[in-house]
Amino acid sequence: MNKTYLLACAAAASLLLGCVSQPASEPVGSANPAAVYCVQKGGKLDMVTEDGKRVTYCVLSDGRRVEQWQYFRDNHPQVSEAEGM
């Protein structure tokens, strides 16, 4: 009887351990600031492959198509280190 009880407890413990759920891991990251800026300014993102590399363009409402980071650097106001401190 003692062996049967121990075997039943071990089986129950194994089943319970198999049912333990792992917390869902949420993706860590942040949005691409150039892409966010493009969309905020009314543009649409266009991802293409050029020479084997993925490039994202910001297509503006007036039809201009500018590489997203170039558009961001040319138009986004930058906070200097002195102002940010």
PDB file of N, CA and C in Angstrom:
ATOM      1  N   MET A   1       0.830  -1.189   0.000  1.00  0.00           N
ATOM      2  CA  MET A   1       0.000   0.000   0.000  1.00  0.00           C
ATOM      3  C   MET A   1       0.873   1.250   0.000  1.00  0.00           C
ATOM      4  N   ASN A   2       1.960   1.214   0.744  1.00  0.00           N
ATOM      5  CA  ASN A   2       2.851   2.352   0.843  1.00  0.00           C
ATOM      6  C   ASN A   2       3.486   2.656  -0.510  1.00  0.00           C
ATOM      7  N   LYS A   3       3.895   1.600  -1.261  1.00  0.00           N
ATOM      8  CA  LYS A   3       4.493   1.794  -2.583  1.00  0.00           C
ATOM      9  C   LYS A   3       3.467   2.372  -3.549  1.00  0.00           C
ATOM     10  N   THR A   4       2.247   1.890  -3.478  1.00  0.00           N
ATOM     11  CA  THR A   4       1.186   2.372  -4.362  1.00  0.00           C
ATOM     12  C   THR A   4       0.908   3.846  -4.103  1.00  0.00           C
ATOM     13  N   TYR A   5       0.879   4.215  -2.833  1.00  0.00           N
ATOM     14  CA  TYR A   5       0.636   5.611  -2.458  1.00  0.00           C
ATOM     15  C   TYR A   5       1.758   6.515  -2.967  1.00  0.00           C
ATOM     16  N   LEU A   6       3.012   6.093  -2.790  1.00  0.00           N
ATOM     17  CA  LEU A   6       4.155   6.876  -3.259  1.00  0.00           C
ATOM     18  C   LEU A   6       4.150   6.996  -4.778  1.00  0.00           C
ATOM     19  N   LEU A   7       3.823   5.907  -5.463  1.00  0.00           N
ATOM     20  CA  LEU A   7       3.773   5.928  -6.921  1.00  0.00           C
ATOM     21  C   LEU A   7       2.668   6.870  -7.404  1.00  0.00           C
ATOM     22  N   ALA A   8       1.526   6.843  -6.742  1.00  0.00           N
ATOM     23  CA  ALA A   8       0.422   7.729  -7.111  1.00  0.00           C
ATOM     24  C   ALA A   8       0.795   9.190  -6.875  1.00  0.00           C
ATOM     25  N   CYS A   9       1.474   9.467  -5.769  1.00  0.00           N
ATOM     26  CA  CYS A   9       1.904  10.842  -5.478  1.00  0.00           C
ATOM     27  C   CYS A   9       2.922  11.326  -6.500  1.00  0.00           C
ATOM     28  N   ALA A  10       3.854  10.457  -6.871  1.00  0.00           N
ATOM     29  CA  ALA A  10       4.863  10.831  -7.864  1.00  0.00           C
ATOM     30  C   ALA A  10       4.210  11.107  -9.217  1.00  0.00           C
ATOM     31  N   ALA A  11       3.245  10.285  -9.592  1.00  0.00           N
ATOM     32  CA  ALA A  11       2.548  10.485 -10.862  1.00  0.00           C
ATOM     33  C   ALA A  11       1.762  11.796 -10.839  1.00  0.00           C
ATOM     34  N   ALA A  12       1.091  12.071  -9.735  1.00  0.00           N
ATOM     35  CA  ALA A  12       0.321  13.310  -9.618  1.00  0.00           C
ATOM     36  C   ALA A  12       1.235  14.528  -9.669  1.00  0.00           C
ATOM     37  N   ALA A  13       2.378  14.441  -8.998  1.00  0.00           N
ATOM     38  CA  ALA A  13       3.328  15.556  -9.012  1.00  0.00           C
ATOM     39  C   ALA A  13       3.861  15.792 -10.420  1.00  0.00           C
ATOM     40  N   SER A  14       4.132  14.706 -11.139  1.00  0.00           N
ATOM     41  CA  SER A  14       4.621  14.840 -12.518  1.00  0.00           C
ATOM     42  C   SER A  14       3.580  15.519 -13.397  1.00  0.00           C
ATOM     43  N   LEU A  15       2.335  15.134 -13.230  1.00  0.00           N
ATOM     44  CA  LEU A  15       1.270  15.754 -14.023  1.00  0.00           C
ATOM     45  C   LEU A  15       1.122  17.234 -13.699  1.00  0.00           C
ATOM     46  N   LEU A  16       1.191  17.563 -12.417  1.00  0.00           N
ATOM     47  CA  LEU A  16       1.054  18.962 -12.021  1.00  0.00           C
ATOM     48  C   LEU A  16       2.213  19.806 -12.527  1.00  0.00           C
ATOM     49  N   LEU A  17       3.422  19.281 -12.485  1.00  0.00           N
ATOM     50  CA  LEU A  17       4.574  20.031 -12.980  1.00  0.00           C
ATOM     51  C   LEU A  17       4.483  20.257 -14.481  1.00  0.00           C
ATOM     52  N   GLY A  18       3.886  19.309 -15.186  1.00  0.00           N
ATOM     53  CA  GLY A  18       3.720  19.461 -16.631  1.00  0.00           C
ATOM     54  C   GLY A  18       2.703  20.529 -16.983  1.00  0.00           C
ATOM     55  N   CYS A  19       1.829  20.849 -16.054  1.00  0.00           N
ATOM     56  CA  CYS A  19       0.782  21.839 -16.316  1.00  0.00           C
ATOM     57  C   CYS A  19       1.182  23.258 -15.929  1.00  0.00           C
ATOM     58  N   VAL A  20       2.332  23.418 -15.321  1.00  0.00           N
ATOM     59  CA  VAL A  20       2.773  24.747 -14.912  1.00  0.00           C
ATOM     60  C   VAL A  20       3.032  25.576 -16.163  1.00  0.00           C
ATOM     61  N   SER A  21       2.395  26.715 -16.233  1.00  0.00           N
ATOM     62  CA  SER A  21       2.584  27.560 -17.418  1.00  0.00           C
ATOM     63  C   SER A  21       3.715  28.547 -17.183  1.00  0.00           C
ATOM     64  N   GLN A  22       4.435  28.808 -18.237  1.00  0.00           N
ATOM     65  CA  GLN A  22       5.504  29.793 -18.194  1.00  0.00           C
ATOM     66  C   GLN A  22       4.905  31.155 -18.511  1.00  0.00           C
ATOM     67  N   PRO A  23       5.339  32.194 -17.837  1.00  0.00           N
ATOM     68  CA  PRO A  23       4.817  33.522 -18.171  1.00  0.00           C
ATOM     69  C   PRO A  23       5.192  33.874 -19.609  1.00  0.00           C
ATOM     70  N   ALA A  24       4.254  34.466 -20.302  1.00  0.00           N
ATOM     71  CA  ALA A  24       4.498  34.863 -21.688  1.00  0.00           C
ATOM     72  C   ALA A  24       5.546  35.964 -21.722  1.00  0.00           C
ATOM     73  N   SER A  25       6.535  35.757 -22.544  1.00  0.00           N
ATOM     74  CA  SER A  25       7.557  36.799 -22.660  1.00  0.00           C
ATOM     75  C   SER A  25       7.095  37.817 -23.688  1.00  0.00           C
ATOM     76  N   GLU A  26       7.127  39.052 -23.297  1.00  0.00           N
ATOM     77  CA  GLU A  26       6.722  40.124 -24.190  1.00  0.00           C
ATOM     78  C   GLU A  26       7.929  40.605 -24.965  1.00  0.00           C
ATOM     79  N   PRO A  27       7.732  40.923 -26.232  1.00  0.00           N
ATOM     80  CA  PRO A  27       8.869  41.408 -27.008  1.00  0.00           C
ATOM     81  C   PRO A  27       9.418  42.706 -26.425  1.00  0.00           C
ATOM     82  N   VAL A  28      10.721  42.788 -26.403  1.00  0.00           N
ATOM     83  CA  VAL A  28      11.378  43.973 -25.879  1.00  0.00           C
ATOM     84  C   VAL A  28      11.908  44.765 -27.051  1.00  0.00           C
ATOM     85  N   GLY A  29      11.676  46.031 -27.039  1.00  0.00           N
ATOM     86  CA  GLY A  29      12.177  46.856 -28.115  1.00  0.00           C
ATOM     87  C   GLY A  29      11.465  48.187 -28.116  1.00  0.00           C
ATOM     88  N   SER A  30      11.854  48.997 -29.036  1.00  0.00           N
ATOM     89  CA  SER A  30      11.211  50.286 -29.161  1.00  0.00           C
ATOM     90  C   SER A  30      10.994  50.567 -30.635  1.00  0.00           C
ATOM     91  N   ALA A  31      10.093  51.457 -30.898  1.00  0.00           N
ATOM     92  CA  ALA A  31       9.772  51.792 -32.278  1.00  0.00           C
ATOM     93  C   ALA A  31      10.931  52.518 -32.939  1.00  0.00           C
ATOM     94  N   ASN A  32      11.064  52.316 -34.217  1.00  0.00           N
ATOM     95  CA  ASN A  32      12.077  52.995 -35.015  1.00  0.00           C
ATOM     96  C   ASN A  32      11.692  54.475 -35.083  1.00  0.00           C
ATOM     97  N   PRO A  33      12.500  55.373 -34.526  1.00  0.00           N
ATOM     98  CA  PRO A  33      12.124  56.789 -34.500  1.00  0.00           C
ATOM     99  C   PRO A  33      11.959  57.396 -35.888  1.00  0.00           C
ATOM    100  N   ALA A  34      12.726  56.940 -36.866  1.00  0.00           N
ATOM    101  CA  ALA A  34      12.591  57.481 -38.220  1.00  0.00           C
ATOM    102  C   ALA A  34      11.254  57.074 -38.826  1.00  0.00           C
ATOM    103  N   ALA A  35      10.844  55.838 -38.588  1.00  0.00           N
ATOM    104  CA  ALA A  35       9.564  55.366 -39.108  1.00  0.00           C
ATOM    105  C   ALA A  35       8.407  56.087 -38.427  1.00  0.00           C
ATOM    106  N   VAL A  36       8.504  56.242 -37.117  1.00  0.00           N
ATOM    107  CA  VAL A  36       7.456  56.945 -36.367  1.00  0.00           C
ATOM    108  C   VAL A  36       7.336  58.382 -36.863  1.00  0.00           C
ATOM    109  N   TYR A  37       8.460  59.054 -37.048  1.00  0.00           N
ATOM    110  CA  TYR A  37       8.448  60.448 -37.506  1.00  0.00           C
ATOM    111  C   TYR A  37       7.807  60.553 -38.887  1.00  0.00           C
ATOM    112  N   CYS A  38       8.154  59.632 -39.782  1.00  0.00           N
ATOM    113  CA  CYS A  38       7.579  59.635 -41.129  1.00  0.00           C
ATOM    114  C   CYS A  38       6.051  59.562 -41.069  1.00  0.00           C
ATOM    115  N   VAL A  39       5.547  58.616 -40.299  1.00  0.00           N
ATOM    116  CA  VAL A  39       4.096  58.426 -40.205  1.00  0.00           C
ATOM    117  C   VAL A  39       3.436  59.622 -39.527  1.00  0.00           C
ATOM    118  N   GLN A  40       4.080  60.185 -38.498  1.00  0.00           N
ATOM    119  CA  GLN A  40       3.529  61.365 -37.819  1.00  0.00           C
ATOM    120  C   GLN A  40       3.386  62.543 -38.778  1.00  0.00           C
ATOM    121  N   LYS A  41       4.271  62.626 -39.752  1.00  0.00           N
ATOM    122  CA  LYS A  41       4.235  63.728 -40.719  1.00  0.00           C
ATOM    123  C   LYS A  41       3.347  63.415 -41.920  1.00  0.00           C
ATOM    124  N   GLY A  42       2.582  62.339 -41.839  1.00  0.00           N
ATOM    125  CA  GLY A  42       1.631  62.011 -42.899  1.00  0.00           C
ATOM    126  C   GLY A  42       2.194  61.123 -43.991  1.00  0.00           C
ATOM    127  N   GLY A  43       3.405  60.633 -43.802  1.00  0.00           N
ATOM    128  CA  GLY A  43       4.015  59.762 -44.801  1.00  0.00           C
ATOM    129  C   GLY A  43       3.611  58.313 -44.611  1.00  0.00           C
ATOM    130  N   LYS A  44       3.967  57.514 -45.612  1.00  0.00           N
ATOM    131  CA  LYS A  44       3.738  56.070 -45.551  1.00  0.00           C
ATOM    132  C   LYS A  44       5.075  55.384 -45.760  1.00  0.00           C
ATOM    133  N   LEU A  45       5.258  54.248 -45.113  1.00  0.00           N
ATOM    134  CA  LEU A  45       6.513  53.519 -45.212  1.00  0.00           C
ATOM    135  C   LEU A  45       6.468  52.546 -46.384  1.00  0.00           C
ATOM    136  N   ASP A  46       7.564  52.479 -47.121  1.00  0.00           N
ATOM    137  CA  ASP A  46       7.688  51.578 -48.263  1.00  0.00           C
ATOM    138  C   ASP A  46       9.001  50.815 -48.117  1.00  0.00           C
ATOM    139  N   MET A  47       8.910  49.514 -47.769  1.00  0.00           N
ATOM    140  CA  MET A  47      10.119  48.698 -47.604  1.00  0.00           C
ATOM    141  C   MET A  47      10.407  47.962 -48.903  1.00  0.00           C
ATOM    142  N   VAL A  48      11.642  48.088 -49.365  1.00  0.00           N
ATOM    143  CA  VAL A  48      12.072  47.427 -50.593  1.00  0.00           C
ATOM    144  C   VAL A  48      13.435  46.780 -50.358  1.00  0.00           C
ATOM    145  N   THR A  49      13.809  45.895 -51.269  1.00  0.00           N
ATOM    146  CA  THR A  49      15.135  45.284 -51.219  1.00  0.00           C
ATOM    147  C   THR A  49      15.937  45.813 -52.393  1.00  0.00           C
ATOM    148  N   GLU A  50      17.056  46.423 -52.078  1.00  0.00           N
ATOM    149  CA  GLU A  50      17.945  46.975 -53.098  1.00  0.00           C
ATOM    150  C   GLU A  50      19.334  46.406 -52.874  1.00  0.00           C
ATOM    151  N   ASP A  51      19.894  45.798 -53.889  1.00  0.00           N
ATOM    152  CA  ASP A  51      21.230  45.198 -53.793  1.00  0.00           C
ATOM    153  C   ASP A  51      21.335  44.240 -52.609  1.00  0.00           C
ATOM    154  N   GLY A  52      20.276  43.481 -52.371  1.00  0.00           N
ATOM    155  CA  GLY A  52      20.276  42.502 -51.294  1.00  0.00           C
ATOM    156  C   GLY A  52      20.086  43.072 -49.906  1.00  0.00           C
ATOM    157  N   LYS A  53      19.808  44.361 -49.801  1.00  0.00           N
ATOM    158  CA  LYS A  53      19.613  44.996 -48.491  1.00  0.00           C
ATOM    159  C   LYS A  53      18.206  45.570 -48.408  1.00  0.00           C
ATOM    160  N   ARG A  54      17.616  45.479 -47.229  1.00  0.00           N
ATOM    161  CA  ARG A  54      16.284  46.038 -47.030  1.00  0.00           C
ATOM    162  C   ARG A  54      16.401  47.522 -46.716  1.00  0.00           C
ATOM    163  N   VAL A  55      15.669  48.329 -47.467  1.00  0.00           N
ATOM    164  CA  VAL A  55      15.683  49.784 -47.302  1.00  0.00           C
ATOM    165  C   VAL A  55      14.240  50.238 -47.119  1.00  0.00           C
ATOM    166  N   THR A  56      14.028  51.169 -46.201  1.00  0.00           N
ATOM    167  CA  THR A  56      12.684  51.693 -45.980  1.00  0.00           C
ATOM    168  C   THR A  56      12.646  53.152 -46.386  1.00  0.00           C
ATOM    169  N   TYR A  57      11.680  53.465 -47.229  1.00  0.00           N
ATOM    170  CA  TYR A  57      11.484  54.831 -47.695  1.00  0.00           C
ATOM    171  C   TYR A  57      10.253  55.424 -47.035  1.00  0.00           C
ATOM    172  N   CYS A  58      10.285  56.733 -46.877  1.00  0.00           N
ATOM    173  CA  CYS A  58       9.127  57.487 -46.420  1.00  0.00           C
ATOM    174  C   CYS A  58       8.521  58.116 -47.669  1.00  0.00           C
ATOM    175  N   VAL A  59       7.303  57.714 -47.996  1.00  0.00           N
ATOM    176  CA  VAL A  59       6.616  58.278 -49.150  1.00  0.00           C
ATOM    177  C   VAL A  59       5.705  59.377 -48.620  1.00  0.00           C
ATOM    178  N   LEU A  60       6.039  60.603 -48.970  1.00  0.00           N
ATOM    179  CA  LEU A  60       5.332  61.764 -48.433  1.00  0.00           C
ATOM    180  C   LEU A  60       4.048  62.036 -49.201  1.00  0.00           C
ATOM    181  N   SER A  61       3.175  62.830 -48.607  1.00  0.00           N
ATOM    182  CA  SER A  61       1.874  63.117 -49.216  1.00  0.00           C
ATOM    183  C   SER A  61       1.998  63.827 -50.559  1.00  0.00           C
ATOM    184  N   ASP A  62       3.117  64.528 -50.787  1.00  0.00           N
ATOM    185  CA  ASP A  62       3.305  65.200 -52.078  1.00  0.00           C
ATOM    186  C   ASP A  62       3.944  64.276 -53.121  1.00  0.00           C
ATOM    187  N   GLY A  63       4.139  62.999 -52.759  1.00  0.00           N
ATOM    188  CA  GLY A  63       4.675  62.027 -53.702  1.00  0.00           C
ATOM    189  C   GLY A  63       6.178  61.808 -53.610  1.00  0.00           C
ATOM    190  N   ARG A  64       6.879  62.680 -52.875  1.00  0.00           N
ATOM    191  CA  ARG A  64       8.327  62.483 -52.735  1.00  0.00           C
ATOM    192  C   ARG A  64       8.594  61.192 -51.975  1.00  0.00           C
ATOM    193  N   ARG A  65       9.698  60.537 -52.341  1.00  0.00           N
ATOM    194  CA  ARG A  65      10.101  59.275 -51.713  1.00  0.00           C
ATOM    195  C   ARG A  65      11.527  59.455 -51.204  1.00  0.00           C
ATOM    196  N   VAL A  66      11.674  59.467 -49.869  1.00  0.00           N
ATOM    197  CA  VAL A  66      12.958  59.755 -49.236  1.00  0.00           C
ATOM    198  C   VAL A  66      13.283  58.606 -48.282  1.00  0.00           C
ATOM    199  N   GLU A  67      14.552  58.179 -48.263  1.00  0.00           N
ATOM    200  CA  GLU A  67      14.954  57.137 -47.318  1.00  0.00           C
ATOM    201  C   GLU A  67      14.596  57.634 -45.920  1.00  0.00           C
ATOM    202  N   GLN A  68      13.994  56.764 -45.103  1.00  0.00           N
ATOM    203  CA  GLN A  68      13.408  57.203 -43.826  1.00  0.00           C
ATOM    204  C   GLN A  68      14.400  57.892 -42.900  1.00  0.00           C
ATOM    205  N   TRP A  69      15.617  57.377 -42.775  1.00  0.00           N
ATOM    206  CA  TRP A  69      16.582  58.002 -41.871  1.00  0.00           C
ATOM    207  C   TRP A  69      17.082  59.326 -42.421  1.00  0.00           C
ATOM    208  N   GLN A  70      17.185  59.432 -43.730  1.00  0.00           N
ATOM    209  CA  GLN A  70      17.596  60.703 -44.327  1.00  0.00           C
ATOM    210  C   GLN A  70      16.526  61.760 -44.056  1.00  0.00           C
ATOM    211  N   TYR A  71      15.258  61.380 -44.225  1.00  0.00           N
ATOM    212  CA  TYR A  71      14.150  62.298 -43.948  1.00  0.00           C
ATOM    213  C   TYR A  71      14.165  62.722 -42.476  1.00  0.00           C
ATOM    214  N   PHE A  72      14.394  61.762 -41.592  1.00  0.00           N
ATOM    215  CA  PHE A  72      14.440  62.052 -40.162  1.00  0.00           C
ATOM    216  C   PHE A  72      15.565  63.033 -39.840  1.00  0.00           C
ATOM    217  N   ARG A  73      16.770  62.755 -40.355  1.00  0.00           N
ATOM    218  CA  ARG A  73      17.915  63.635 -40.067  1.00  0.00           C
ATOM    219  C   ARG A  73      17.719  65.029 -40.648  1.00  0.00           C
ATOM    220  N   ASP A  74      17.138  65.122 -41.829  1.00  0.00           N
ATOM    221  CA  ASP A  74      16.959  66.419 -42.484  1.00  0.00           C
ATOM    222  C   ASP A  74      15.852  67.266 -41.866  1.00  0.00           C
ATOM    223  N   ASN A  75      14.868  66.634 -41.233  1.00  0.00           N
ATOM    224  CA  ASN A  75      13.677  67.372 -40.811  1.00  0.00           C
ATOM    225  C   ASN A  75      13.360  67.336 -39.325  1.00  0.00           C
ATOM    226  N   HIS A  76      13.888  66.383 -38.601  1.00  0.00           N
ATOM    227  CA  HIS A  76      13.548  66.251 -37.186  1.00  0.00           C
ATOM    228  C   HIS A  76      14.404  67.200 -36.354  1.00  0.00           C
ATOM    229  N   PRO A  77      13.771  68.037 -35.532  1.00  0.00           N
ATOM    230  CA  PRO A  77      14.556  68.941 -34.681  1.00  0.00           C
ATOM    231  C   PRO A  77      15.318  68.135 -33.632  1.00  0.00           C
ATOM    232  N   GLN A  78      16.582  68.421 -33.502  1.00  0.00           N
ATOM    233  CA  GLN A  78      17.430  67.711 -32.549  1.00  0.00           C
ATOM    234  C   GLN A  78      17.596  68.542 -31.284  1.00  0.00           C
ATOM    235  N   VAL A  79      17.619  67.880 -30.164  1.00  0.00           N
ATOM    236  CA  VAL A  79      17.876  68.538 -28.890  1.00  0.00           C
ATOM    237  C   VAL A  79      19.366  68.404 -28.631  1.00  0.00           C
ATOM    238  N   SER A  80      20.023  69.523 -28.415  1.00  0.00           N
ATOM    239  CA  SER A  80      21.461  69.454 -28.150  1.00  0.00           C
ATOM    240  C   SER A  80      21.690  68.870 -26.765  1.00  0.00           C
ATOM    241  N   GLU A  81      22.885  68.357 -26.532  1.00  0.00           N
ATOM    242  CA  GLU A  81      23.200  67.764 -25.230  1.00  0.00           C
ATOM    243  C   GLU A  81      23.072  68.794 -24.115  1.00  0.00           C
ATOM    244  N   ALA A  82      23.438  70.037 -24.386  1.00  0.00           N
ATOM    245  CA  ALA A  82      23.362  71.082 -23.359  1.00  0.00           C
ATOM    246  C   ALA A  82      21.906  71.351 -22.976  1.00  0.00           C
ATOM    247  N   GLU A  83      21.005  71.345 -23.972  1.00  0.00           N
ATOM    248  CA  GLU A  83      19.594  71.597 -23.686  1.00  0.00           C
ATOM    249  C   GLU A  83      18.962  70.425 -22.963  1.00  0.00           C
ATOM    250  N   GLY A  84      19.404  69.206 -23.294  1.00  0.00           N
ATOM    251  CA  GLY A  84      18.812  68.011 -22.711  1.00  0.00           C
ATOM    252  C   GLY A  84      19.251  67.742 -21.289  1.00  0.00           C
ATOM    253  N   MET A  85      20.278  68.417 -20.810  1.00  0.00           N
ATOM    254  CA  MET A  85      20.785  68.148 -19.459  1.00  0.00           C
ATOM    255  C   MET A  85      20.195  69.080 -18.457  1.00  0.00           C
TER     256      MET A  85
END
